[in-house]
Amino acid sequence: MTMAPKTIKRVLAIDPFSRGVGFAAFEGPECLIDWGLRSTGRADNGRAVRAIERLIDRFQPDVLAMENWEAVGSRRCDRVDLLLNHIASGKRKHVRVRLISRREVSTIGTLPHSATKYGRARLIADRFPELRAFLPPVRKPWMSEDDRMSIFDATAFAIACFPVAGDSTETTADEPYPA
């Protein structure tokens, strides 16, 4: 007897920033169950790995979603490249890893591909009102990116893991995930 593949139910998405990790946990495409930032105090991959492993233990996801650091358009420092590679290459407690490119993230919602990162964050905040309080102010050219943007990046990675409404091809936990 063959069993039908298990449909993705829970996704944990992560997005490292300079002093920690932003995350979003979903149960289905419209059910955001938790989100936030986990601080490491400083740029430290060892602490970031431990924080991510604690998140995996807490949420028990079917899929761990994160940025595809090797895709066109990814601009990560070498330290974060090493962190993402370490997380993706390890068998993190038997959790499948889904790498999401920035191009995939840009297709979320109705914004054009040229929309700013802040524009996508506003679209996500409109879709999930509980995130509105975390939306940082518009960044000026001389300002560094607010750490809270990692919450919105992680949320976008999670949303990209779920099939689009009306799409006849449903992604399952037993199928390989494209990079």
N, C-alpha and C. Protein backbone atom coordinates (compact mmCIF):
# COMPACT_ATOMS: atom_id res chain seq x y z
N MET A 1 0.85 -1.18 0.00
CA MET A 1 0.00 0.00 0.00
C MET A 1 0.89 1.24 0.00
N THR A 2 0.65 2.16 -0.90
CA THR A 2 1.41 3.40 -0.92
C THR A 2 0.59 4.49 -0.26
N MET A 3 1.30 5.33 0.47
CA MET A 3 0.63 6.43 1.17
C MET A 3 0.77 7.70 0.35
N ALA A 4 -0.24 8.52 0.40
CA ALA A 4 -0.19 9.81 -0.28
C ALA A 4 0.86 10.69 0.39
N PRO A 5 1.57 11.52 -0.38
CA PRO A 5 2.57 12.38 0.24
C PRO A 5 1.94 13.37 1.21
N LYS A 6 2.69 13.68 2.23
CA LYS A 6 2.22 14.60 3.26
C LYS A 6 2.32 16.04 2.74
N THR A 7 1.22 16.75 2.76
CA THR A 7 1.21 18.14 2.32
C THR A 7 1.89 19.00 3.36
N ILE A 8 2.58 20.02 2.90
CA ILE A 8 3.26 20.93 3.82
C ILE A 8 2.22 21.56 4.75
N LYS A 9 2.47 21.46 6.01
CA LYS A 9 1.58 22.07 6.98
C LYS A 9 2.28 23.20 7.74
N ARG A 10 3.52 23.00 8.15
CA ARG A 10 4.21 24.01 8.95
C ARG A 10 5.54 24.38 8.31
N VAL A 11 5.74 25.68 8.15
CA VAL A 11 6.97 26.21 7.58
C VAL A 11 7.59 27.17 8.59
N LEU A 12 8.87 26.99 8.82
CA LEU A 12 9.64 27.94 9.60
C LEU A 12 10.60 28.61 8.64
N ALA A 13 10.55 29.92 8.54
CA ALA A 13 11.44 30.66 7.65
C ALA A 13 12.37 31.51 8.50
N ILE A 14 13.62 31.57 8.08
CA ILE A 14 14.61 32.35 8.82
C ILE A 14 15.30 33.34 7.89
N ASP A 15 15.76 34.44 8.47
CA ASP A 15 16.53 35.42 7.72
C ASP A 15 17.56 36.03 8.66
N PRO A 16 18.83 35.63 8.53
CA PRO A 16 19.87 36.19 9.40
C PRO A 16 20.09 37.67 9.13
N PHE A 17 20.40 38.40 10.19
CA PHE A 17 20.85 39.79 10.06
C PHE A 17 22.13 39.92 10.86
N SER A 18 22.67 41.12 10.96
CA SER A 18 24.02 41.28 11.52
C SER A 18 24.17 40.77 12.95
N ARG A 19 23.15 40.87 13.77
CA ARG A 19 23.26 40.46 15.17
C ARG A 19 22.18 39.47 15.58
N GLY A 20 21.75 38.62 14.65
CA GLY A 20 20.74 37.65 15.02
C GLY A 20 20.02 37.05 13.83
N VAL A 21 18.80 36.59 14.11
CA VAL A 21 18.00 35.90 13.10
C VAL A 21 16.55 36.35 13.21
N GLY A 22 15.96 36.74 12.08
CA GLY A 22 14.53 36.99 12.03
C GLY A 22 13.84 35.71 11.62
N PHE A 23 12.62 35.49 12.11
CA PHE A 23 11.91 34.26 11.76
C PHE A 23 10.42 34.50 11.63
N ALA A 24 9.77 33.58 10.94
CA ALA A 24 8.32 33.55 10.82
C ALA A 24 7.91 32.09 10.73
N ALA A 25 6.90 31.70 11.48
CA ALA A 25 6.39 30.33 11.46
C ALA A 25 4.95 30.35 10.97
N PHE A 26 4.65 29.48 10.02
CA PHE A 26 3.32 29.40 9.41
C PHE A 26 2.76 28.00 9.53
N GLU A 27 1.46 27.91 9.70
CA GLU A 27 0.72 26.66 9.55
C GLU A 27 -0.28 26.90 8.44
N GLY A 28 0.15 26.64 7.23
CA GLY A 28 -0.67 26.95 6.07
C GLY A 28 -0.34 28.35 5.58
N PRO A 29 -0.76 28.66 4.36
CA PRO A 29 -0.35 29.92 3.74
C PRO A 29 -0.94 31.18 4.37
N GLU A 30 -2.00 31.06 5.11
CA GLU A 30 -2.63 32.24 5.70
C GLU A 30 -2.61 32.25 7.22
N CYS A 31 -1.89 31.32 7.83
CA CYS A 31 -1.90 31.22 9.29
C CYS A 31 -0.50 31.44 9.86
N LEU A 32 -0.20 32.70 10.13
CA LEU A 32 1.07 33.08 10.75
C LEU A 32 0.95 32.78 12.24
N ILE A 33 1.75 31.84 12.74
CA ILE A 33 1.61 31.45 14.15
C ILE A 33 2.59 32.15 15.08
N ASP A 34 3.75 32.55 14.56
CA ASP A 34 4.70 33.29 15.39
C ASP A 34 5.72 33.96 14.49
N TRP A 35 6.37 34.98 15.01
CA TRP A 35 7.37 35.74 14.27
C TRP A 35 8.21 36.48 15.28
N GLY A 36 9.36 36.95 14.85
CA GLY A 36 10.18 37.75 15.75
C GLY A 36 11.64 37.75 15.36
N LEU A 37 12.44 38.25 16.31
CA LEU A 37 13.88 38.33 16.15
C LEU A 37 14.53 37.57 17.29
N ARG A 38 15.57 36.85 16.99
CA ARG A 38 16.38 36.19 18.02
C ARG A 38 17.76 36.82 17.94
N SER A 39 18.13 37.52 18.99
CA SER A 39 19.41 38.22 19.01
C SER A 39 20.54 37.28 19.41
N THR A 40 21.69 37.47 18.77
CA THR A 40 22.90 36.73 19.14
C THR A 40 23.88 37.66 19.84
N GLY A 41 23.52 38.92 19.97
CA GLY A 41 24.38 39.87 20.65
C GLY A 41 25.46 40.46 19.77
N ARG A 42 25.98 39.66 18.88
CA ARG A 42 27.01 40.12 17.93
C ARG A 42 26.99 39.19 16.72
N ALA A 43 27.78 39.52 15.73
CA ALA A 43 27.86 38.69 14.52
C ALA A 43 28.59 37.40 14.88
N ASP A 44 27.84 36.35 15.17
CA ASP A 44 28.42 35.09 15.64
C ASP A 44 27.62 33.92 15.05
N ASN A 45 28.21 33.20 14.10
CA ASN A 45 27.51 32.10 13.45
C ASN A 45 27.17 30.98 14.41
N GLY A 46 28.02 30.69 15.37
CA GLY A 46 27.74 29.64 16.34
C GLY A 46 26.48 29.93 17.13
N ARG A 47 26.34 31.16 17.59
CA ARG A 47 25.14 31.55 18.33
C ARG A 47 23.91 31.54 17.42
N ALA A 48 24.09 31.95 16.18
CA ALA A 48 22.97 31.96 15.23
C ALA A 48 22.49 30.53 14.95
N VAL A 49 23.41 29.60 14.79
CA VAL A 49 23.03 28.20 14.56
C VAL A 49 22.25 27.68 15.75
N ARG A 50 22.71 27.97 16.96
CA ARG A 50 21.98 27.52 18.16
C ARG A 50 20.60 28.14 18.24
N ALA A 51 20.48 29.41 17.89
CA ALA A 51 19.16 30.07 17.90
C ALA A 51 18.23 29.41 16.88
N ILE A 52 18.75 29.10 15.70
CA ILE A 52 17.93 28.46 14.66
C ILE A 52 17.52 27.06 15.10
N GLU A 53 18.44 26.32 15.70
CA GLU A 53 18.10 24.97 16.18
C GLU A 53 17.03 25.02 17.27
N ARG A 54 17.08 26.02 18.14
CA ARG A 54 16.02 26.17 19.16
C ARG A 54 14.68 26.48 18.50
N LEU A 55 14.69 27.29 17.45
CA LEU A 55 13.44 27.57 16.71
C LEU A 55 12.90 26.30 16.06
N ILE A 56 13.78 25.50 15.50
CA ILE A 56 13.34 24.23 14.89
C ILE A 56 12.74 23.32 15.97
N ASP A 57 13.40 23.23 17.11
CA ASP A 57 12.86 22.42 18.21
C ASP A 57 11.49 22.91 18.66
N ARG A 58 11.33 24.21 18.71
CA ARG A 58 10.07 24.79 19.18
C ARG A 58 8.92 24.57 18.20
N PHE A 59 9.17 24.79 16.92
CA PHE A 59 8.08 24.77 15.94
C PHE A 59 7.91 23.44 15.21
N GLN A 60 8.91 22.58 15.23
CA GLN A 60 8.83 21.28 14.55
C GLN A 60 8.29 21.43 13.12
N PRO A 61 8.97 22.23 12.28
CA PRO A 61 8.44 22.49 10.93
C PRO A 61 8.62 21.31 9.98
N ASP A 62 7.77 21.29 8.96
CA ASP A 62 7.95 20.35 7.85
C ASP A 62 9.05 20.86 6.92
N VAL A 63 9.16 22.19 6.82
CA VAL A 63 10.12 22.82 5.91
C VAL A 63 10.79 24.00 6.61
N LEU A 64 12.10 24.12 6.41
CA LEU A 64 12.85 25.29 6.85
C LEU A 64 13.14 26.10 5.59
N ALA A 65 12.59 27.30 5.51
CA ALA A 65 12.77 28.15 4.33
C ALA A 65 13.79 29.24 4.63
N MET A 66 14.66 29.49 3.66
CA MET A 66 15.65 30.55 3.81
C MET A 66 16.12 31.01 2.45
N GLU A 67 16.85 32.11 2.44
CA GLU A 67 17.30 32.69 1.17
C GLU A 67 18.32 31.80 0.48
N ASN A 68 18.20 31.72 -0.84
CA ASN A 68 19.20 31.05 -1.65
C ASN A 68 20.33 32.05 -1.86
N TRP A 69 21.37 31.93 -1.07
CA TRP A 69 22.47 32.88 -1.07
C TRP A 69 23.31 32.82 -2.35
N GLU A 70 23.14 31.76 -3.15
CA GLU A 70 23.91 31.63 -4.39
C GLU A 70 23.15 32.14 -5.60
N ALA A 71 21.89 32.51 -5.44
CA ALA A 71 21.07 32.96 -6.56
C ALA A 71 21.43 34.39 -6.96
N VAL A 72 21.11 34.71 -8.20
CA VAL A 72 21.32 36.06 -8.70
C VAL A 72 20.50 37.03 -7.85
N GLY A 73 21.09 38.12 -7.46
CA GLY A 73 20.38 39.13 -6.68
C GLY A 73 20.61 39.03 -5.18
N SER A 74 21.22 37.95 -4.73
CA SER A 74 21.51 37.81 -3.30
C SER A 74 22.77 38.59 -2.99
N ARG A 75 22.69 39.42 -1.98
CA ARG A 75 23.84 40.23 -1.58
C ARG A 75 24.10 40.01 -0.10
N ARG A 76 24.73 38.93 0.22
CA ARG A 76 25.03 38.58 1.60
C ARG A 76 26.53 38.65 1.83
N CYS A 77 26.92 39.02 3.05
CA CYS A 77 28.34 39.03 3.38
C CYS A 77 28.83 37.58 3.51
N ASP A 78 30.13 37.41 3.51
CA ASP A 78 30.71 36.07 3.55
C ASP A 78 30.29 35.32 4.81
N ARG A 79 30.20 36.00 5.95
CA ARG A 79 29.81 35.34 7.19
C ARG A 79 28.41 34.75 7.08
N VAL A 80 27.47 35.51 6.55
CA VAL A 80 26.09 35.02 6.42
C VAL A 80 26.02 33.93 5.35
N ASP A 81 26.80 34.06 4.27
CA ASP A 81 26.88 32.98 3.27
C ASP A 81 27.29 31.67 3.93
N LEU A 82 28.31 31.73 4.79
CA LEU A 82 28.77 30.53 5.49
C LEU A 82 27.69 29.98 6.42
N LEU A 83 26.99 30.87 7.11
CA LEU A 83 25.92 30.44 8.02
C LEU A 83 24.81 29.74 7.24
N LEU A 84 24.34 30.35 6.17
CA LEU A 84 23.26 29.75 5.38
C LEU A 84 23.70 28.42 4.76
N ASN A 85 24.93 28.36 4.29
CA ASN A 85 25.46 27.11 3.73
C ASN A 85 25.51 26.03 4.82
N HIS A 86 25.93 26.39 6.00
CA HIS A 86 26.00 25.42 7.11
C HIS A 86 24.61 24.90 7.47
N ILE A 87 23.64 25.79 7.54
CA ILE A 87 22.27 25.38 7.87
C ILE A 87 21.70 24.49 6.77
N ALA A 88 21.89 24.88 5.51
CA ALA A 88 21.31 24.13 4.39
C ALA A 88 21.98 22.78 4.21
N SER A 89 23.27 22.68 4.46
CA SER A 89 23.97 21.43 4.19
C SER A 89 23.79 20.41 5.31
N GLY A 90 23.48 20.86 6.51
CA GLY A 90 23.29 19.93 7.61
C GLY A 90 21.89 19.36 7.63
N LYS A 91 21.76 18.17 8.14
CA LYS A 91 20.43 17.57 8.32
C LYS A 91 19.88 18.10 9.64
N ARG A 92 19.27 19.24 9.57
CA ARG A 92 18.74 19.91 10.75
C ARG A 92 17.53 19.17 11.29
N LYS A 93 17.78 18.17 12.12
CA LYS A 93 16.71 17.45 12.80
C LYS A 93 15.67 16.93 11.82
N HIS A 94 16.14 16.44 10.67
CA HIS A 94 15.29 15.83 9.65
C HIS A 94 14.25 16.79 9.08
N VAL A 95 14.61 18.04 8.97
CA VAL A 95 13.73 19.06 8.39
C VAL A 95 14.22 19.35 6.98
N ARG A 96 13.30 19.34 6.03
CA ARG A 96 13.67 19.68 4.66
C ARG A 96 13.96 21.18 4.58
N VAL A 97 14.92 21.53 3.75
CA VAL A 97 15.30 22.93 3.55
C VAL A 97 14.83 23.37 2.18
N ARG A 98 14.20 24.51 2.12
CA ARG A 98 13.76 25.10 0.85
C ARG A 98 14.48 26.42 0.68
N LEU A 99 15.25 26.55 -0.38
CA LEU A 99 15.98 27.78 -0.67
C LEU A 99 15.12 28.64 -1.59
N ILE A 100 14.94 29.87 -1.20
CA ILE A 100 14.08 30.81 -1.93
C ILE A 100 14.95 31.93 -2.49
N SER A 101 14.85 32.17 -3.78
CA SER A 101 15.61 33.25 -4.39
C SER A 101 14.87 34.57 -4.21
N ARG A 102 15.60 35.65 -4.33
CA ARG A 102 14.98 36.99 -4.26
C ARG A 102 13.97 37.16 -5.39
N ARG A 103 14.20 36.51 -6.52
CA ARG A 103 13.26 36.60 -7.64
C ARG A 103 11.92 35.99 -7.24
N GLU A 104 11.93 34.85 -6.55
CA GLU A 104 10.69 34.24 -6.08
C GLU A 104 9.98 35.15 -5.09
N VAL A 105 10.73 35.80 -4.23
CA VAL A 105 10.13 36.71 -3.25
C VAL A 105 9.49 37.90 -3.95
N SER A 106 10.09 38.34 -5.04
CA SER A 106 9.55 39.52 -5.74
C SER A 106 8.21 39.25 -6.40
N THR A 107 7.83 37.98 -6.55
CA THR A 107 6.55 37.66 -7.19
C THR A 107 5.40 37.59 -6.19
N ILE A 108 5.67 37.81 -4.92
CA ILE A 108 4.61 37.74 -3.91
C ILE A 108 3.71 38.96 -4.04
N GLY A 109 2.43 38.73 -4.09
CA GLY A 109 1.47 39.82 -4.14
C GLY A 109 1.35 40.44 -5.51
N THR A 110 0.89 41.67 -5.51
CA THR A 110 0.61 42.35 -6.77
C THR A 110 1.63 43.43 -7.11
N LEU A 111 2.72 43.51 -6.36
CA LEU A 111 3.72 44.53 -6.64
C LEU A 111 4.56 44.14 -7.85
N PRO A 112 5.01 45.12 -8.61
CA PRO A 112 5.89 44.83 -9.74
C PRO A 112 7.25 44.35 -9.25
N HIS A 113 7.99 43.68 -10.13
CA HIS A 113 9.31 43.16 -9.78
C HIS A 113 10.24 44.26 -9.28
N SER A 114 10.05 45.47 -9.77
CA SER A 114 10.92 46.58 -9.40
C SER A 114 10.55 47.22 -8.06
N ALA A 115 9.54 46.70 -7.38
CA ALA A 115 9.11 47.27 -6.10
C ALA A 115 10.23 47.17 -5.08
N THR A 116 10.24 48.11 -4.17
CA THR A 116 11.27 48.12 -3.14
C THR A 116 11.00 47.05 -2.08
N LYS A 117 12.03 46.78 -1.32
CA LYS A 117 11.89 45.83 -0.23
C LYS A 117 10.86 46.34 0.78
N TYR A 118 10.86 47.63 1.02
CA TYR A 118 9.88 48.22 1.93
C TYR A 118 8.46 48.07 1.38
N GLY A 119 8.30 48.22 0.06
CA GLY A 119 6.98 48.04 -0.55
C GLY A 119 6.45 46.64 -0.33
N ARG A 120 7.33 45.64 -0.47
CA ARG A 120 6.92 44.26 -0.21
C ARG A 120 6.60 44.07 1.27
N ALA A 121 7.36 44.69 2.15
CA ALA A 121 7.09 44.58 3.59
C ALA A 121 5.72 45.19 3.92
N ARG A 122 5.37 46.29 3.29
CA ARG A 122 4.03 46.89 3.51
C ARG A 122 2.93 45.97 3.02
N LEU A 123 3.14 45.34 1.87
CA LEU A 123 2.16 44.39 1.34
C LEU A 123 1.96 43.23 2.32
N ILE A 124 3.05 42.73 2.89
CA ILE A 124 2.97 41.65 3.87
C ILE A 124 2.26 42.14 5.13
N ALA A 125 2.55 43.35 5.57
CA ALA A 125 1.88 43.90 6.76
C ALA A 125 0.39 44.09 6.52
N ASP A 126 0.00 44.41 5.30
CA ASP A 126 -1.43 44.52 4.97
C ASP A 126 -2.09 43.14 4.99
N ARG A 127 -1.38 42.13 4.52
CA ARG A 127 -1.91 40.76 4.49
C ARG A 127 -2.00 40.15 5.89
N PHE A 128 -1.02 40.50 6.75
CA PHE A 128 -0.98 40.00 8.12
C PHE A 128 -0.93 41.20 9.07
N PRO A 129 -2.10 41.72 9.47
CA PRO A 129 -2.16 42.93 10.28
C PRO A 129 -1.37 42.86 11.59
N GLU A 130 -1.16 41.66 12.12
CA GLU A 130 -0.41 41.52 13.35
C GLU A 130 1.05 41.95 13.19
N LEU A 131 1.52 42.08 11.97
CA LEU A 131 2.90 42.52 11.72
C LEU A 131 3.03 44.03 11.55
N ARG A 132 1.92 44.74 11.46
CA ARG A 132 1.99 46.19 11.21
C ARG A 132 2.83 46.92 12.25
N ALA A 133 2.76 46.52 13.49
CA ALA A 133 3.52 47.19 14.56
C ALA A 133 5.03 47.01 14.39
N PHE A 134 5.44 46.01 13.62
CA PHE A 134 6.87 45.73 13.43
C PHE A 134 7.43 46.36 12.16
N LEU A 135 6.58 46.98 11.36
CA LEU A 135 7.03 47.59 10.11
C LEU A 135 7.86 48.83 10.46
N PRO A 136 9.14 48.82 10.10
CA PRO A 136 9.98 49.98 10.43
C PRO A 136 9.64 51.17 9.53
N PRO A 137 10.08 52.35 9.91
CA PRO A 137 9.86 53.51 9.03
C PRO A 137 10.64 53.35 7.74
N VAL A 138 10.25 54.13 6.74
CA VAL A 138 10.94 54.09 5.45
C VAL A 138 12.40 54.47 5.67
N ARG A 139 13.27 53.70 5.06
CA ARG A 139 14.71 53.90 5.24
C ARG A 139 15.21 54.99 4.31
N LYS A 140 15.99 55.87 4.85
CA LYS A 140 16.66 56.91 4.06
C LYS A 140 17.98 56.34 3.52
N PRO A 141 18.50 56.90 2.44
CA PRO A 141 19.72 56.34 1.83
C PRO A 141 20.91 56.22 2.78
N TRP A 142 21.01 57.07 3.78
CA TRP A 142 22.14 57.04 4.68
C TRP A 142 21.93 56.12 5.89
N MET A 143 20.77 55.53 5.99
CA MET A 143 20.45 54.67 7.14
C MET A 143 20.75 53.20 6.82
N SER A 144 21.16 52.47 7.84
CA SER A 144 21.31 51.02 7.65
C SER A 144 19.94 50.37 7.79
N GLU A 145 19.81 49.16 7.29
CA GLU A 145 18.53 48.48 7.32
C GLU A 145 18.15 48.13 8.76
N ASP A 146 16.90 48.37 9.08
CA ASP A 146 16.36 48.04 10.40
C ASP A 146 16.32 46.52 10.54
N ASP A 147 16.71 46.02 11.72
CA ASP A 147 16.71 44.57 11.97
C ASP A 147 15.32 43.96 11.76
N ARG A 148 14.27 44.73 12.01
CA ARG A 148 12.91 44.20 11.89
C ARG A 148 12.55 43.81 10.47
N MET A 149 13.29 44.29 9.47
CA MET A 149 13.02 43.88 8.09
C MET A 149 13.26 42.38 7.91
N SER A 150 14.07 41.79 8.78
CA SER A 150 14.30 40.34 8.72
C SER A 150 13.01 39.55 8.97
N ILE A 151 12.12 40.10 9.78
CA ILE A 151 10.83 39.44 10.01
C ILE A 151 10.05 39.38 8.70
N PHE A 152 10.06 40.47 7.95
CA PHE A 152 9.31 40.53 6.69
C PHE A 152 9.98 39.69 5.60
N ASP A 153 11.31 39.64 5.59
CA ASP A 153 12.00 38.76 4.64
C ASP A 153 11.67 37.31 4.95
N ALA A 154 11.73 36.93 6.22
CA ALA A 154 11.41 35.56 6.60
C ALA A 154 9.96 35.22 6.25
N THR A 155 9.05 36.16 6.47
CA THR A 155 7.65 35.93 6.13
C THR A 155 7.49 35.71 4.63
N ALA A 156 8.20 36.49 3.84
CA ALA A 156 8.13 36.33 2.37
C ALA A 156 8.68 34.96 1.96
N PHE A 157 9.76 34.50 2.59
CA PHE A 157 10.30 33.18 2.28
C PHE A 157 9.28 32.09 2.59
N ALA A 158 8.59 32.23 3.72
CA ALA A 158 7.57 31.23 4.10
C ALA A 158 6.41 31.23 3.12
N ILE A 159 5.92 32.40 2.75
CA ILE A 159 4.80 32.51 1.82
C ILE A 159 5.15 31.84 0.49
N ALA A 160 6.40 32.00 0.05
CA ALA A 160 6.84 31.42 -1.22
C ALA A 160 6.86 29.89 -1.19
N CYS A 161 6.81 29.29 -0.02
CA CYS A 161 6.82 27.82 0.08
C CYS A 161 5.47 27.19 -0.21
N PHE A 162 4.42 27.97 -0.09
CA PHE A 162 3.08 27.42 -0.27
C PHE A 162 2.62 27.60 -1.71
N PRO A 163 1.84 26.65 -2.23
CA PRO A 163 1.36 26.79 -3.60
C PRO A 163 0.44 28.00 -3.74
N VAL A 164 0.46 28.58 -4.90
CA VAL A 164 -0.39 29.73 -5.19
C VAL A 164 -1.82 29.22 -5.39
N ALA A 165 -2.79 29.95 -4.89
CA ALA A 165 -4.20 29.55 -5.05
C ALA A 165 -4.51 29.35 -6.52
N GLY A 166 -5.14 28.23 -6.82
CA GLY A 166 -5.49 27.93 -8.19
C GLY A 166 -4.41 27.17 -8.94
N ASP A 167 -3.24 27.02 -8.32
CA ASP A 167 -2.16 26.27 -8.95
C ASP A 167 -2.44 24.79 -8.78
N SER A 168 -2.43 24.04 -9.85
CA SER A 168 -2.78 22.62 -9.77
C SER A 168 -1.63 21.77 -9.25
N THR A 169 -0.41 22.31 -9.24
CA THR A 169 0.72 21.55 -8.73
C THR A 169 0.97 21.96 -7.29
N GLU A 170 0.67 21.07 -6.38
CA GLU A 170 0.86 21.35 -4.97
C GLU A 170 2.18 20.78 -4.51
N THR A 171 2.96 21.59 -3.80
CA THR A 171 4.23 21.14 -3.27
C THR A 171 3.97 20.29 -2.05
N THR A 172 4.65 19.17 -1.97
CA THR A 172 4.48 18.30 -0.80
C THR A 172 5.80 18.13 -0.10
N ALA A 173 5.73 17.69 1.14
CA ALA A 173 6.94 17.50 1.94
C ALA A 173 7.79 16.34 1.44
N ASP A 174 7.25 15.44 0.63
CA ASP A 174 8.00 14.30 0.15
C ASP A 174 8.70 14.58 -1.18
N GLU A 175 8.40 15.69 -1.81
CA GLU A 175 9.02 16.03 -3.08
C GLU A 175 10.27 16.85 -2.83
N PRO A 176 11.25 16.78 -3.71
CA PRO A 176 12.43 17.62 -3.54
C PRO A 176 12.06 19.09 -3.77
N TYR A 177 12.75 19.95 -3.07
CA TYR A 177 12.49 21.37 -3.19
C TYR A 177 13.49 22.00 -4.13
N PRO A 178 13.01 22.73 -5.11
CA PRO A 178 13.94 23.37 -6.04
C PRO A 178 14.66 24.51 -5.34
N ALA A 179 15.86 24.77 -5.78
CA ALA A 179 16.63 25.88 -5.20
C ALA A 179 16.17 27.18 -5.77
